[in-house]
Amino acid sequence: MTSWVGRTAAEIAAAVREKRATPHEVVAEHLARIEQLDGRIGAFRRVRAEAALAEADAVADRTDLAELPLAGVPVAVKDNLAVRGESTRIGTAATPDTPADDDHVTVARLRAAGAVVVGLTNVPELCVFGTTEGVYGIARNPWDTSRAAGGSSGGSAAAVAAGMVPIALGNDGMGSLRIPAANCGLVTIKPGYGTVPAGISNGDWFGMSENGPLATTVEDARLMFEVLADKREPRAPESAATCRIALSVRSPLLGVTVSRPYANAAREAAALLTRAGHEVRPAEPPYPWWLGTTSLAHWTAGTAVDAEGLDPRRLARRTRVHAMVGRRFVKNVRSGDRREQLRRHLEPFFADHDVLLTPALARRSPVAGPWHERGWLRNVLANTNYSPMTPPWNLTGWPAMSVPFGALPSGAPCAVQLVGRPGSELELLEVAGQLEALQPWQRTAPLG
């Protein structure tokens, strides 16, 4: 009997379209995997076992089954996006346990493409931090369960890395897709502004948050991205065009250093891309000195807006402090002046380079634990020191990816980041695909 756990979304969809597998059997196998493993991983807040099997049967009965790009593919959804009939808790006891009347547009597009929603995944409270823990549990890295999966799409990343689903939906406001993807050995792309519908929480963190895929292969990431963007593009030629690639291993934030494994991964990826024919050279983006304070202002102000109307007594102390700090910044952040200034500051660099290659993180994720019970400053420092590479590209609104590359001394995956100009999502995916072809990675964690 063929097992569909561990197969890619593209493989599953092709088998379902060709009637070599049924959506019911595919979904049932993944639900069994969730039941087997999630007690150790903590990926899901809610598993929709009965509803998912019914939805799988409905997919099998569709008259357009042979045309569905995600026919019968199990998918997990981050718990800050509405799923019809389910509550959206955003990692907190302060939100109502009220079922949503309608799917978020991205969920609706996945379902229209034939995907089956098997559950909602854990996030840190209000999706604030780069580790995922709170009243609904702790999401752990399947490659090293002593470490946090990352955040805020930590549950979605953990679910894919553990083989509980082949793909998952998450979003990224300051790195919330790229951080857990880098920790968990996954491919993700944070689309540029306006490419995929956002509509995340209260105002998309001033337009910085974007929805995107988490996958184990570039092919699956591209397939899901195209569904989310509602645009299927013709495949590029086998040999991608030569790109001018800048290599930078310096942290964008003053006072934060990049550890040797992550810096070496970026250098090794640069050497590989050079041998593949790209023009790669060291070049430092002109990050302004005020980038750190601007990032903190936007990060906290987004939480201040999201916390409005919620009972503060039901929020963790770190969240309350984060929102309190952010209230003083909301007016200035909302103007968008600093973000526009940063774009103008960095545009000349991207006139000379097609792609920026950096480490994805500065160091491995913190030890998994009850970070929601710890102090605000301790959380902020832990987050900033391990994930300084991602925020600039939310502030600019430009596309950025995390791609697995190499391994840490612990054996857990390492990763690099690719950044491009507005509209360069497919170009980034092509470069990522070359890295995958030249140095393939193990797609899922070796769990029993």
Protein backbone atom coordinates (compact mmCIF):
# COMPACT_ATOMS: atom_id res chain seq x y z
CA MET A 1 0.00 0.00 0.00
CA THR A 2 1.35 3.44 -0.96
CA SER A 3 1.80 5.88 1.91
CA TRP A 4 1.09 9.52 1.13
CA VAL A 5 2.68 10.90 4.29
CA GLY A 6 6.00 12.45 3.35
CA ARG A 7 5.01 13.03 -0.28
CA THR A 8 5.04 16.52 -1.73
CA ALA A 9 1.87 18.47 -2.41
CA ALA A 10 2.59 18.26 -6.14
CA GLU A 11 2.88 14.46 -5.96
CA ILE A 12 -0.32 14.09 -3.93
CA ALA A 13 -2.33 16.39 -6.19
CA ALA A 14 -1.16 14.55 -9.31
CA ALA A 15 -2.11 11.18 -7.79
CA VAL A 16 -5.57 12.42 -6.80
CA ARG A 17 -6.21 13.99 -10.21
CA GLU A 18 -5.20 10.74 -11.90
CA LYS A 19 -7.34 8.65 -9.50
CA ARG A 20 -4.30 6.83 -8.11
CA ALA A 21 -5.30 8.05 -4.65
CA THR A 22 -8.46 9.39 -3.06
CA PRO A 23 -8.58 12.60 -1.01
CA HIS A 24 -10.09 10.57 1.86
CA GLU A 25 -7.15 8.16 2.14
CA VAL A 26 -4.60 10.97 1.83
CA VAL A 27 -6.25 13.06 4.53
CA ALA A 28 -6.81 10.05 6.81
CA GLU A 29 -3.12 9.14 6.66
CA HIS A 30 -2.09 12.67 7.61
CA LEU A 31 -4.63 12.81 10.43
CA ALA A 32 -3.11 9.59 11.79
CA ARG A 33 0.33 11.19 11.60
CA ILE A 34 -0.94 14.20 13.55
CA GLU A 35 -2.42 11.96 16.21
CA GLN A 36 0.85 10.05 16.46
CA LEU A 37 3.21 13.02 16.70
CA ASP A 38 1.56 16.24 17.74
CA GLY A 39 1.68 15.48 21.46
CA ARG A 40 5.47 15.83 21.13
CA ILE A 41 5.51 18.75 18.67
CA GLY A 42 2.63 21.04 19.65
CA ALA A 43 1.88 22.23 16.11
CA PHE A 44 -1.92 22.34 16.27
CA ARG A 45 -4.43 24.23 18.38
CA ARG A 46 -7.35 22.53 16.67
CA VAL A 47 -7.46 19.40 14.51
CA ARG A 48 -10.55 19.14 12.29
CA ALA A 49 -10.53 15.35 11.87
CA GLU A 50 -14.21 14.68 11.15
CA ALA A 51 -14.73 17.88 9.15
CA ALA A 52 -11.56 17.34 7.12
CA LEU A 53 -12.60 13.82 6.07
CA ALA A 54 -16.00 15.14 5.00
CA GLU A 55 -14.31 17.90 3.00
CA ALA A 56 -12.00 15.33 1.41
CA ASP A 57 -15.01 13.35 0.21
CA ALA A 58 -16.50 16.55 -1.21
CA VAL A 59 -13.29 17.21 -3.15
CA ALA A 60 -13.47 13.70 -4.63
CA ASP A 61 -16.97 14.47 -5.92
CA ARG A 62 -16.01 17.71 -7.66
CA THR A 63 -16.57 17.75 -11.40
CA ASP A 64 -13.37 19.76 -11.89
CA LEU A 65 -11.16 17.35 -9.93
CA ALA A 66 -8.83 16.74 -12.87
CA GLU A 67 -8.03 20.46 -13.03
CA LEU A 68 -7.36 21.20 -9.34
CA PRO A 69 -3.74 22.21 -8.62
CA LEU A 70 -4.01 21.10 -4.96
CA ALA A 71 -6.46 18.21 -5.40
CA GLY A 72 -6.85 16.43 -2.06
CA VAL A 73 -3.77 18.03 -0.48
CA PRO A 74 -3.99 18.37 3.33
CA VAL A 75 -3.12 21.87 4.50
CA ALA A 76 -2.75 23.49 7.92
CA VAL A 77 -3.78 27.11 8.52
CA LYS A 78 -2.20 29.56 10.93
CA ASP A 79 -4.59 30.48 13.71
CA ASN A 80 -4.88 34.15 12.80
CA LEU A 81 -6.73 33.50 9.52
CA ALA A 82 -10.44 32.70 9.45
CA VAL A 83 -11.56 29.16 8.65
CA ARG A 84 -15.31 28.84 8.16
CA GLY A 85 -16.93 27.16 11.16
CA GLU A 86 -13.86 27.51 13.39
CA SER A 87 -12.86 30.15 15.92
CA THR A 88 -9.78 32.28 15.31
CA ARG A 89 -7.99 32.59 18.65
CA ILE A 90 -4.63 34.16 17.59
CA GLY A 91 -2.89 32.36 20.43
CA THR A 92 -4.75 34.09 23.25
CA ALA A 93 -7.55 33.56 25.74
CA ALA A 94 -8.59 37.19 25.15
CA THR A 95 -10.25 36.49 21.79
CA PRO A 96 -13.81 35.09 21.55
CA ASP A 97 -14.42 31.41 20.83
CA THR A 98 -16.82 32.30 18.03
CA PRO A 99 -16.89 30.32 14.76
CA ALA A 100 -16.08 32.30 11.63
CA ASP A 101 -18.89 32.72 9.10
CA ASP A 102 -16.54 32.74 6.11
CA ASP A 103 -13.05 31.66 5.08
CA HIS A 104 -10.27 34.20 4.80
CA VAL A 105 -9.67 34.82 1.09
CA THR A 106 -6.41 32.86 1.13
CA VAL A 107 -8.12 29.88 2.78
CA ALA A 108 -10.91 30.13 0.22
CA ARG A 109 -8.37 30.08 -2.62
CA LEU A 110 -6.67 26.97 -1.20
CA ARG A 111 -10.00 25.20 -0.89
CA ALA A 112 -11.05 26.27 -4.39
CA ALA A 113 -7.81 24.67 -5.62
CA GLY A 114 -8.76 21.38 -3.95
CA ALA A 115 -6.87 21.60 -0.64
CA VAL A 116 -8.41 20.20 2.56
CA VAL A 117 -7.94 22.13 5.82
CA VAL A 118 -7.00 19.61 8.52
CA GLY A 119 -6.44 22.06 11.36
CA LEU A 120 -5.42 25.42 12.79
CA THR A 121 -1.86 25.82 14.01
CA ASN A 122 -0.40 27.33 17.15
CA VAL A 123 0.94 30.88 17.29
CA PRO A 124 2.34 33.08 20.06
CA GLU A 125 -0.21 35.44 21.57
CA LEU A 126 -1.30 37.98 18.91
CA CYS A 127 1.51 36.60 16.72
CA VAL A 128 3.99 38.94 18.38
CA PHE A 129 7.13 36.91 18.99
CA GLY A 130 9.64 34.71 17.16
CA THR A 131 8.90 31.70 19.36
CA THR A 132 5.52 29.98 19.58
CA GLU A 133 4.09 29.25 23.01
CA GLY A 134 1.17 30.29 25.20
CA VAL A 135 -2.13 29.08 26.58
CA TYR A 136 -2.51 26.54 23.76
CA GLY A 137 0.90 24.93 24.16
CA ILE A 138 4.50 25.12 22.91
CA ALA A 139 5.44 24.50 19.27
CA ARG A 140 8.76 22.67 19.09
CA ASN A 141 11.21 22.21 16.23
CA PRO A 142 10.73 18.63 14.94
CA TRP A 143 14.46 18.45 14.15
CA ASP A 144 15.39 19.26 17.76
CA THR A 145 12.43 19.24 20.14
CA SER A 146 14.48 20.95 22.84
CA ARG A 147 14.36 24.09 20.66
CA ALA A 148 11.52 26.42 19.71
CA ALA A 149 10.02 26.01 16.24
CA GLY A 150 10.18 29.78 15.81
CA GLY A 151 7.36 32.22 15.30
CA SER A 152 4.94 33.44 14.76
CA SER A 153 4.02 30.80 12.13
CA GLY A 154 5.70 28.24 14.37
CA GLY A 155 2.87 25.73 14.49
CA SER A 156 2.48 25.76 10.71
CA ALA A 157 6.21 25.24 10.19
CA ALA A 158 6.39 22.45 12.77
CA ALA A 159 3.44 20.66 11.16
CA VAL A 160 5.13 20.61 7.74
CA ALA A 161 8.59 19.72 9.04
CA ALA A 162 7.12 16.77 10.98
CA GLY A 163 5.29 15.47 7.89
CA MET A 164 1.87 16.09 9.44
CA VAL A 165 0.90 18.08 6.33
CA PRO A 166 2.83 18.64 3.09
CA ILE A 167 2.13 22.40 3.04
CA ALA A 168 0.81 25.04 5.43
CA LEU A 169 -0.41 28.61 5.33
CA GLY A 170 1.29 31.26 7.45
CA ASN A 171 2.10 34.94 7.38
CA ASP A 172 5.02 37.25 7.98
CA GLY A 173 4.99 40.68 9.64
CA MET A 174 8.63 40.90 10.80
CA GLY A 175 9.88 37.47 9.75
CA SER A 176 7.07 35.21 10.95
CA LEU A 177 7.30 32.88 7.93
CA ARG A 178 11.05 33.02 7.33
CA ILE A 179 12.10 32.53 10.98
CA PRO A 180 10.27 29.23 11.62
CA ALA A 181 11.01 28.03 8.08
CA ALA A 182 14.72 28.58 8.69
CA ASN A 183 14.55 26.75 12.03
CA CYS A 184 12.56 23.83 10.64
CA GLY A 185 14.29 23.29 7.29
CA LEU A 186 11.47 24.57 5.06
CA VAL A 187 11.06 26.74 1.99
CA THR A 188 8.96 29.86 2.29
CA ILE A 189 8.40 33.10 0.44
CA LYS A 190 7.12 36.32 1.95
CA PRO A 191 5.50 37.93 -1.08
CA GLY A 192 5.93 41.57 -1.85
CA TYR A 193 3.23 44.05 -0.88
CA GLY A 194 -0.07 43.52 -2.70
CA THR A 195 0.89 40.25 -4.40
CA VAL A 196 -1.20 37.96 -2.16
CA PRO A 197 -4.27 39.22 -0.25
CA ALA A 198 -3.36 40.13 3.32
CA GLY A 199 -6.26 41.00 5.65
CA ILE A 200 -4.39 39.81 8.74
CA SER A 201 -5.69 40.86 12.15
CA ASN A 202 -6.24 44.62 12.45
CA GLY A 203 -4.59 46.42 9.55
CA ASP A 204 -1.81 44.00 8.53
CA TRP A 205 0.68 45.68 10.87
CA PHE A 206 0.51 48.85 8.76
CA GLY A 207 0.83 46.90 5.53
CA MET A 208 3.92 44.95 6.57
CA SER A 209 2.27 41.51 6.98
CA GLU A 210 1.92 39.12 4.06
CA ASN A 211 0.41 35.64 3.73
CA GLY A 212 2.54 32.91 2.20
CA PRO A 213 3.37 29.20 1.92
CA LEU A 214 5.44 26.84 4.03
CA ALA A 215 6.67 23.79 2.11
CA THR A 216 9.43 21.21 1.87
CA THR A 217 10.33 21.88 -1.78
CA VAL A 218 10.60 24.92 -4.01
CA GLU A 219 8.08 23.32 -6.37
CA ASP A 220 5.47 23.10 -3.60
CA ALA A 221 6.22 26.64 -2.41
CA ARG A 222 5.75 27.96 -5.93
CA LEU A 223 2.59 25.92 -6.47
CA MET A 224 1.01 27.24 -3.28
CA PHE A 225 2.21 30.79 -3.95
CA GLU A 226 0.58 30.75 -7.37
CA VAL A 227 -2.71 29.56 -5.85
CA LEU A 228 -2.58 32.26 -3.14
CA ALA A 229 -1.72 34.95 -5.68
CA ASP A 230 -4.42 33.58 -8.00
CA LYS A 231 -1.97 33.61 -10.87
CA ARG A 232 -0.48 30.59 -12.62
CA GLU A 233 2.67 31.53 -14.51
CA PRO A 234 4.31 29.54 -17.32
CA ARG A 235 7.37 27.70 -16.08
CA ALA A 236 10.72 29.37 -16.70
CA PRO A 237 13.35 27.60 -18.80
CA GLU A 238 15.50 24.98 -17.10
CA SER A 239 18.45 27.38 -16.98
CA ALA A 240 17.44 30.53 -15.11
CA ALA A 241 18.79 33.84 -16.34
CA THR A 242 22.06 35.01 -14.84
CA CYS A 243 21.45 37.19 -11.79
CA ARG A 244 23.62 39.80 -10.15
CA ILE A 245 23.68 38.55 -6.59
CA ALA A 246 25.02 40.47 -3.60
CA LEU A 247 26.34 38.48 -0.63
CA SER A 248 26.09 40.08 2.80
CA VAL A 249 26.65 38.28 6.10
CA ARG A 250 26.40 41.38 8.30
CA SER A 251 23.43 41.89 10.60
CA PRO A 252 21.20 44.81 9.59
CA LEU A 253 20.82 45.71 13.29
CA LEU A 254 23.65 47.39 15.17
CA GLY A 255 25.07 45.34 18.03
CA VAL A 256 23.82 41.97 16.74
CA THR A 257 26.34 39.50 15.33
CA VAL A 258 25.80 36.56 12.99
CA SER A 259 27.11 33.21 14.21
CA ARG A 260 29.64 31.26 12.15
CA PRO A 261 27.29 28.45 10.94
CA TYR A 262 24.81 30.91 9.43
CA ALA A 263 27.50 33.16 7.93
CA ASN A 264 29.26 30.13 6.45
CA ALA A 265 26.00 28.84 4.96
CA ALA A 266 25.52 32.11 3.09
CA ARG A 267 29.10 32.06 1.82
CA GLU A 268 28.79 28.45 0.67
CA ALA A 269 25.51 29.20 -1.10
CA ALA A 270 27.21 32.14 -2.82
CA ALA A 271 30.01 29.88 -4.04
CA LEU A 272 27.49 27.39 -5.37
CA LEU A 273 25.57 30.08 -7.25
CA THR A 274 28.81 31.44 -8.67
CA ARG A 275 29.64 28.01 -10.08
CA ALA A 276 26.11 27.93 -11.52
CA GLY A 277 26.94 31.01 -13.58
CA HIS A 278 25.55 33.87 -11.52
CA GLU A 279 27.51 37.05 -10.89
CA VAL A 280 28.00 36.95 -7.13
CA ARG A 281 30.05 39.44 -5.15
CA PRO A 282 30.22 40.67 -1.56
CA ALA A 283 28.22 43.87 -1.14
CA GLU A 284 26.70 45.46 1.96
CA PRO A 285 23.25 47.06 1.75
CA PRO A 286 23.34 50.57 3.22
CA TYR A 287 21.27 49.75 6.30
CA PRO A 288 20.64 53.04 8.16
CA TRP A 289 21.64 53.39 11.80
CA TRP A 290 18.00 53.99 12.75
CA LEU A 291 16.79 50.64 11.40
CA GLY A 292 16.75 49.01 14.85
CA THR A 293 14.63 51.67 16.51
CA THR A 294 12.31 51.81 13.51
CA SER A 295 11.84 48.04 13.60
CA LEU A 296 11.03 48.14 17.32
CA ALA A 297 8.56 50.99 16.84
CA HIS A 298 6.67 49.15 14.08
CA TRP A 299 6.78 45.81 15.91
CA THR A 300 5.32 47.21 19.12
CA ALA A 301 2.87 49.57 17.41
CA GLY A 302 1.38 46.66 15.46
CA THR A 303 0.72 44.86 18.72
CA ALA A 304 -0.81 47.99 20.25
CA VAL A 305 -3.35 48.14 17.43
CA ASP A 306 -4.10 44.39 17.60
CA ALA A 307 -4.62 44.54 21.37
CA GLU A 308 -7.27 47.28 21.16
CA GLY A 309 -10.60 46.04 22.48
CA LEU A 310 -9.14 42.94 24.15
CA ASP A 311 -9.34 42.42 27.91
CA PRO A 312 -5.76 43.13 29.10
CA ARG A 313 -6.29 40.87 32.11
CA ARG A 314 -6.43 37.92 29.70
CA LEU A 315 -3.20 38.84 27.92
CA ALA A 316 0.25 37.66 29.01
CA ARG A 317 2.41 40.29 30.66
CA ARG A 318 4.93 40.35 27.79
CA THR A 319 2.09 41.13 25.37
CA ARG A 320 0.67 43.89 27.57
CA VAL A 321 4.07 45.56 27.88
CA HIS A 322 4.72 45.23 24.13
CA ALA A 323 1.39 46.93 23.38
CA MET A 324 1.99 49.62 26.01
CA VAL A 325 5.38 50.48 24.51
CA GLY A 326 3.87 50.56 21.03
CA ARG A 327 1.01 52.96 21.77
CA ARG A 328 3.34 55.95 21.74
CA PHE A 329 4.53 55.03 18.23
CA VAL A 330 1.23 54.28 16.46
CA LYS A 331 0.65 57.75 15.00
CA ASN A 332 4.15 58.10 13.54
CA VAL A 333 4.25 54.51 12.31
CA ARG A 334 0.89 54.86 10.61
CA SER A 335 2.23 57.75 8.51
CA GLY A 336 4.59 55.37 6.68
CA ASP A 337 7.32 58.01 6.49
CA ARG A 338 10.12 55.81 7.85
CA ARG A 339 9.20 52.91 5.59
CA GLU A 340 9.26 55.16 2.54
CA GLN A 341 12.60 56.59 3.68
CA LEU A 342 14.03 53.08 4.01
CA ARG A 343 12.83 52.15 0.52
CA ARG A 344 14.50 55.22 -0.98
CA HIS A 345 17.65 54.41 0.98
CA LEU A 346 17.86 50.84 -0.36
CA GLU A 347 16.55 51.23 -3.93
CA PRO A 348 19.96 52.24 -5.41
CA PHE A 349 21.47 49.02 -4.02
CA PHE A 350 18.83 46.95 -5.82
CA ALA A 351 19.40 48.91 -9.00
CA ASP A 352 22.87 47.34 -9.01
CA HIS A 353 21.87 43.87 -7.74
CA ASP A 354 19.01 41.57 -8.67
CA VAL A 355 19.10 39.47 -5.51
CA LEU A 356 20.49 39.88 -2.01
CA LEU A 357 21.78 36.68 -0.35
CA THR A 358 22.13 36.69 3.45
CA PRO A 359 22.01 34.25 6.36
CA ALA A 360 18.38 33.57 7.27
CA LEU A 361 19.06 33.85 11.01
CA ALA A 362 21.91 34.95 13.24
CA ARG A 363 21.82 31.85 15.43
CA ARG A 364 19.62 28.87 16.26
CA SER A 365 16.29 29.37 17.98
CA PRO A 366 15.97 29.67 21.76
CA VAL A 367 15.33 26.66 23.97
CA ALA A 368 11.63 25.69 23.84
CA GLY A 369 9.80 26.69 26.98
CA PRO A 370 7.24 29.01 28.55
CA TRP A 371 8.56 32.23 27.06
CA HIS A 372 5.09 33.76 27.50
CA GLU A 373 5.68 33.65 31.28
CA ARG A 374 9.01 35.46 31.05
CA GLY A 375 9.74 39.17 31.05
CA TRP A 376 9.20 41.46 28.07
CA LEU A 377 12.81 42.61 27.73
CA ARG A 378 14.10 39.04 27.93
CA ASN A 379 11.77 38.08 25.07
CA VAL A 380 12.71 41.10 22.95
CA LEU A 381 16.44 40.48 23.36
CA ALA A 382 16.11 36.75 22.61
CA ASN A 383 14.12 37.49 19.46
CA THR A 384 16.37 40.30 18.24
CA ASN A 385 19.60 38.42 18.83
CA TYR A 386 18.58 35.39 16.81
CA SER A 387 16.45 36.88 14.04
CA PRO A 388 17.77 40.31 12.94
CA MET A 389 17.87 39.52 9.21
CA THR A 390 14.17 39.59 8.38
CA PRO A 391 12.55 42.90 9.50
CA PRO A 392 13.99 45.26 6.84
CA TRP A 393 12.04 43.51 4.07
CA ASN A 394 8.70 43.84 5.85
CA LEU A 395 9.41 47.54 6.29
CA THR A 396 10.17 47.94 2.57
CA GLY A 397 7.40 45.57 1.49
CA TRP A 398 9.75 43.66 -0.84
CA PRO A 399 9.72 39.86 -1.39
CA ALA A 400 12.06 37.63 0.61
CA MET A 401 12.58 33.89 0.99
CA SER A 402 14.11 31.43 3.43
CA VAL A 403 15.77 28.41 1.80
CA PRO A 404 17.31 25.41 3.63
CA PHE A 405 21.06 25.20 3.17
CA GLY A 406 23.41 23.00 5.15
CA ALA A 407 23.16 22.01 8.80
CA LEU A 408 24.00 23.37 12.22
CA PRO A 409 26.45 21.55 14.52
CA SER A 410 23.40 20.04 16.27
CA GLY A 411 22.28 18.46 12.99
CA ALA A 412 19.24 20.73 12.69
CA PRO A 413 18.83 22.59 9.38
CA CYS A 414 20.58 25.84 8.55
CA ALA A 415 19.19 28.34 6.01
CA VAL A 416 19.84 31.36 3.83
CA GLN A 417 17.65 34.31 2.88
CA LEU A 418 17.03 35.62 -0.64
CA VAL A 419 15.66 39.15 -1.11
CA GLY A 420 14.54 40.83 -4.32
CA ARG A 421 12.96 43.93 -5.79
CA PRO A 422 9.18 44.39 -5.97
CA GLY A 423 7.66 41.85 -8.33
CA SER A 424 10.63 39.45 -8.25
CA GLU A 425 8.92 36.53 -6.48
CA LEU A 426 9.32 34.15 -9.43
CA GLU A 427 12.95 35.15 -9.91
CA LEU A 428 13.66 34.38 -6.25
CA LEU A 429 11.91 31.03 -6.59
CA GLU A 430 14.09 30.19 -9.61
CA VAL A 431 17.28 30.95 -7.67
CA ALA A 432 15.98 28.92 -4.73
CA GLY A 433 15.25 26.06 -7.10
CA GLN A 434 18.84 26.12 -8.30
CA LEU A 435 20.11 25.91 -4.73
CA GLU A 436 17.79 22.96 -4.13
CA ALA A 437 19.01 21.18 -7.27
CA LEU A 438 22.67 21.79 -6.47
CA GLN A 439 22.47 20.92 -2.77
CA PRO A 440 19.25 19.01 -1.95
CA TRP A 441 18.02 18.85 1.64
CA GLN A 442 16.24 16.25 3.71
CA ARG A 443 12.63 17.34 3.51
CA THR A 444 11.17 16.18 6.82
CA ALA A 445 12.55 15.57 10.29
CA PRO A 446 13.46 11.96 11.16
CA LEU A 447 10.65 11.35 13.66
CA GLY A 448 9.29 7.92 14.47
